[in-house]
Amino acid sequence: MLQGNYQVVLGLGAFFILLGIVFILWNRREKNKYYNSILLTQRDIQETITREHERFWLHAWRIGGWISLIVGIVLLIMGGILWHMAP
């Protein structure tokens, strides 16, 4: 394998790590925006008394971010190992 191919794997790893960080930060922003919205302060009393339903779509950015971070770390490790083992 050529040296440039290892650089591509390392570049993809860095890209996925950055993408994961962006997704996690975006999740934090969306949660704050949702829970601090004016509409939420005027929510239905029945829903407040019984219990608030889980909002799964708020967790999607966080889950995607963690998956992207894991993939990026694995790619960086693989690329680093292959780069150092190359002749």
Protein backbone atom coordinates (compact mmCIF):
# COMPACT_ATOMS: atom_id res chain seq x y z
CA MET A 1 0.00 0.00 0.00
CA LEU A 2 1.26 3.46 -0.79
CA GLN A 3 2.07 6.04 1.87
CA GLY A 4 -0.68 8.32 0.51
CA ASN A 5 -3.33 5.67 1.22
CA TYR A 6 -2.47 5.73 4.92
CA GLN A 7 -2.81 9.48 4.91
CA VAL A 8 -6.30 9.11 3.48
CA VAL A 9 -7.26 6.75 6.32
CA LEU A 10 -5.83 9.21 8.87
CA GLY A 11 -7.65 12.09 7.17
CA LEU A 12 -10.94 10.20 7.28
CA GLY A 13 -10.38 9.45 10.96
CA ALA A 14 -9.80 13.14 11.70
CA PHE A 15 -12.88 14.06 9.64
CA PHE A 16 -15.10 11.64 11.56
CA ILE A 17 -13.78 12.90 14.90
CA LEU A 18 -14.52 16.50 13.93
CA LEU A 19 -17.95 15.47 12.65
CA GLY A 20 -18.67 13.70 15.95
CA ILE A 21 -17.68 16.77 17.96
CA VAL A 22 -19.91 18.96 15.78
CA PHE A 23 -22.85 16.56 16.21
CA ILE A 24 -22.47 16.48 20.00
CA LEU A 25 -22.26 20.27 20.20
CA TRP A 26 -25.26 20.55 17.87
CA ASN A 27 -27.20 18.21 20.19
CA ARG A 28 -26.45 20.47 23.15
CA ARG A 29 -27.61 23.51 21.17
CA GLU A 30 -30.84 21.84 20.04
CA LYS A 31 -31.66 20.66 23.56
CA ASN A 32 -31.12 24.12 25.03
CA LYS A 33 -33.15 25.71 22.25
CA TYR A 34 -36.01 23.23 22.72
CA TYR A 35 -36.18 23.32 26.50
CA ASN A 36 -35.84 27.11 26.67
CA SER A 37 -38.49 27.80 24.04
CA ILE A 38 -41.56 29.88 24.85
CA LEU A 39 -43.90 27.14 23.70
CA LEU A 40 -42.52 24.78 26.30
CA THR A 41 -43.38 27.16 29.12
CA GLN A 42 -47.02 27.08 27.98
CA ARG A 43 -47.25 23.29 27.73
CA ASP A 44 -50.30 21.23 28.54
CA ILE A 45 -50.96 20.82 32.27
CA GLN A 46 -52.00 17.17 31.82
CA GLU A 47 -48.63 16.32 30.29
CA THR A 48 -46.82 18.16 33.08
CA ILE A 49 -48.78 16.45 35.86
CA THR A 50 -48.53 12.91 34.50
CA ARG A 51 -45.03 12.91 33.07
CA GLU A 52 -43.16 14.47 30.21
CA HIS A 53 -42.74 12.21 27.22
CA GLU A 54 -39.28 11.26 26.09
CA ARG A 55 -38.19 13.13 23.00
CA PHE A 56 -36.04 10.66 21.10
CA TRP A 57 -35.22 13.03 18.26
CA LEU A 58 -33.21 15.14 20.71
CA HIS A 59 -30.91 12.18 21.33
CA ALA A 60 -30.23 11.51 17.64
CA TRP A 61 -27.45 14.09 17.31
CA ARG A 62 -25.71 12.80 20.43
CA ILE A 63 -25.89 9.16 19.35
CA GLY A 64 -24.68 10.01 15.85
CA GLY A 65 -21.86 12.05 17.33
CA TRP A 66 -20.67 9.22 19.55
CA ILE A 67 -20.80 6.75 16.65
CA SER A 68 -18.84 9.16 14.49
CA LEU A 69 -16.26 9.66 17.27
CA ILE A 70 -15.79 5.91 17.67
CA VAL A 71 -15.39 5.38 13.91
CA GLY A 72 -12.91 8.27 13.73
CA ILE A 73 -10.80 6.96 16.60
CA VAL A 74 -10.71 3.47 15.08
CA LEU A 75 -9.67 4.90 11.71
CA LEU A 76 -6.93 7.01 13.32
CA ILE A 77 -5.58 4.00 15.19
CA MET A 78 -5.67 1.81 12.09
CA GLY A 79 -4.06 4.48 9.93
CA GLY A 80 -1.34 5.12 12.50
CA ILE A 81 -0.53 1.43 12.86
CA LEU A 82 -0.44 0.90 9.09
CA TRP A 83 1.68 4.00 8.57
CA HIS A 84 4.30 2.89 11.10
CA MET A 85 4.37 -0.67 9.76
CA ALA A 86 4.87 0.48 6.15
CA PRO A 87 8.28 -0.19 4.61
